[in-house]
């Protein structure tokens, strides 16, 4: 019976108290080059409004199976080298999806 259980390991306790290391906040690495900071901030903080249209349609065929269609048309904004301007590229996007939901199984399919 003694061979079934692993031997007990006791934790060793250090008698020396740990000293918190101080972090030099003035010498942290920069995650983004300074020249690209304006562009990164603009892309992160811009509003979620867009030009164009979006249409979503979902139809349940029965309790377990449903279809969905999604259409989006409008420009995609791409930042340019100049910090004050963006380039707008017209785009269109269609997506078809099928969902099968069962108490033991869930299948989700998307085709773009």
Protein backbone atom coordinates (compact mmCIF):
# COMPACT_ATOMS: atom_id res chain seq x y z
CA UNK A 1 0.00 0.00 0.00
CA UNK A 2 2.91 2.35 0.66
CA UNK A 3 4.05 2.06 -2.98
CA UNK A 4 0.82 3.60 -4.33
CA UNK A 5 1.34 7.08 -2.90
CA UNK A 6 4.27 9.38 -3.71
CA UNK A 7 6.54 10.36 -0.82
CA UNK A 8 5.55 13.51 1.04
CA UNK A 9 7.60 16.59 0.24
CA UNK A 10 7.95 19.30 2.84
CA UNK A 11 8.34 22.89 1.79
CA UNK A 12 11.55 24.58 2.83
CA UNK A 13 11.05 27.95 4.43
CA UNK A 14 13.71 30.60 3.95
CA UNK A 15 14.64 32.45 7.10
CA UNK A 16 15.69 35.49 5.07
CA UNK A 17 12.92 38.03 4.36
CA UNK A 18 12.46 38.93 0.70
CA UNK A 19 13.29 42.47 -0.33
CA UNK A 20 11.01 44.04 -2.94
CA UNK A 21 12.98 45.07 -6.01
CA UNK A 22 12.36 48.64 -7.10
CA UNK A 23 11.36 49.25 -10.70
CA UNK A 24 13.03 52.10 -12.59
CA UNK A 25 10.01 53.64 -14.33
CA UNK A 26 12.15 56.15 -16.21
CA UNK A 27 13.98 53.37 -18.07
CA UNK A 28 11.09 51.24 -19.43
CA UNK A 29 11.19 50.03 -23.06
CA UNK A 30 8.96 51.87 -25.54
CA UNK A 31 6.38 49.49 -27.11
CA UNK A 32 5.79 51.77 -30.14
CA UNK A 33 8.30 54.07 -31.85
CA UNK A 34 7.69 57.75 -31.15
CA UNK A 35 7.10 58.49 -34.84
CA UNK A 36 4.14 56.04 -34.97
CA UNK A 37 2.57 57.03 -31.65
CA UNK A 38 0.05 59.46 -33.22
CA UNK A 39 -1.14 56.87 -35.74
CA UNK A 40 -1.49 54.16 -33.07
CA UNK A 41 -3.46 56.50 -30.80
CA UNK A 42 -5.72 57.57 -33.68
CA UNK A 43 -6.55 53.98 -34.66
CA UNK A 44 -7.21 53.00 -31.03
CA UNK A 45 -9.32 55.98 -30.00
CA UNK A 46 -11.35 56.77 -33.13
CA UNK A 47 -15.12 56.42 -32.91
CA UNK A 48 -16.92 53.26 -34.04
CA UNK A 49 -19.01 55.11 -36.61
CA UNK A 50 -18.60 54.36 -40.29
CA UNK A 51 -19.78 55.52 -43.68
CA UNK A 52 -21.86 53.11 -45.70
CA UNK A 53 -24.42 50.51 -44.74
CA UNK A 54 -24.73 47.29 -42.84
CA UNK A 55 -27.52 44.72 -43.13
CA UNK A 56 -27.90 41.63 -40.93
CA UNK A 57 -30.66 39.07 -41.44
CA UNK A 58 -31.15 35.98 -39.27
CA UNK A 59 -33.82 33.36 -39.90
CA UNK A 60 -34.51 30.38 -37.66
CA UNK A 61 -35.76 27.47 -39.76
CA UNK A 62 -36.61 25.29 -36.76
CA UNK A 63 -35.60 25.05 -33.09
CA UNK A 64 -32.15 23.65 -33.89
CA UNK A 65 -31.17 25.17 -37.25
CA UNK A 66 -30.82 28.78 -38.38
CA UNK A 67 -29.33 30.81 -41.23
CA UNK A 68 -27.87 34.32 -41.25
CA UNK A 69 -26.81 36.78 -43.94
CA UNK A 70 -24.67 39.86 -43.40
CA UNK A 71 -23.83 42.60 -45.94
CA UNK A 72 -21.52 45.54 -45.25
CA UNK A 73 -20.60 48.21 -47.78
CA UNK A 74 -18.44 51.23 -47.08
CA UNK A 75 -14.89 52.55 -47.12
CA UNK A 76 -12.08 51.10 -45.04
CA UNK A 77 -9.87 53.79 -43.54
CA UNK A 78 -6.14 53.16 -43.74
CA UNK A 79 -3.70 55.58 -42.09
CA UNK A 80 -1.25 57.25 -44.46
CA UNK A 81 2.27 58.54 -43.88
CA UNK A 82 0.87 61.98 -43.10
CA UNK A 83 -0.53 62.04 -39.55
CA UNK A 84 -3.50 64.25 -40.49
CA UNK A 85 -4.94 62.22 -43.39
CA UNK A 86 -6.34 58.76 -43.95
CA UNK A 87 -6.89 56.87 -47.19
CA UNK A 88 -10.41 55.52 -47.78
CA UNK A 89 -10.63 52.32 -49.81
CA UNK A 90 -14.16 51.28 -50.91
CA UNK A 91 -14.99 47.75 -49.78
CA UNK A 92 -17.96 45.38 -49.81
CA UNK A 93 -18.35 42.32 -47.64
CA UNK A 94 -20.91 39.47 -47.65
CA UNK A 95 -21.08 36.67 -45.11
CA UNK A 96 -23.34 33.61 -44.98
CA UNK A 97 -23.70 31.56 -41.84
CA UNK A 98 -25.46 28.43 -40.65
CA UNK A 99 -25.97 27.49 -37.01
CA UNK A 100 -26.97 24.13 -35.56
CA UNK A 101 -27.67 24.15 -31.82
CA UNK A 102 -28.49 20.99 -29.87
CA UNK A 103 -28.27 20.39 -26.11
CA UNK A 104 -25.14 18.25 -26.64
CA UNK A 105 -23.67 19.88 -29.76
CA UNK A 106 -23.27 23.35 -31.26
CA UNK A 107 -22.01 23.86 -34.82
CA UNK A 108 -21.39 27.33 -36.28
CA UNK A 109 -20.33 27.83 -39.89
CA UNK A 110 -19.40 31.05 -41.70
CA UNK A 111 -18.56 31.63 -45.37
CA UNK A 112 -17.26 34.99 -46.55
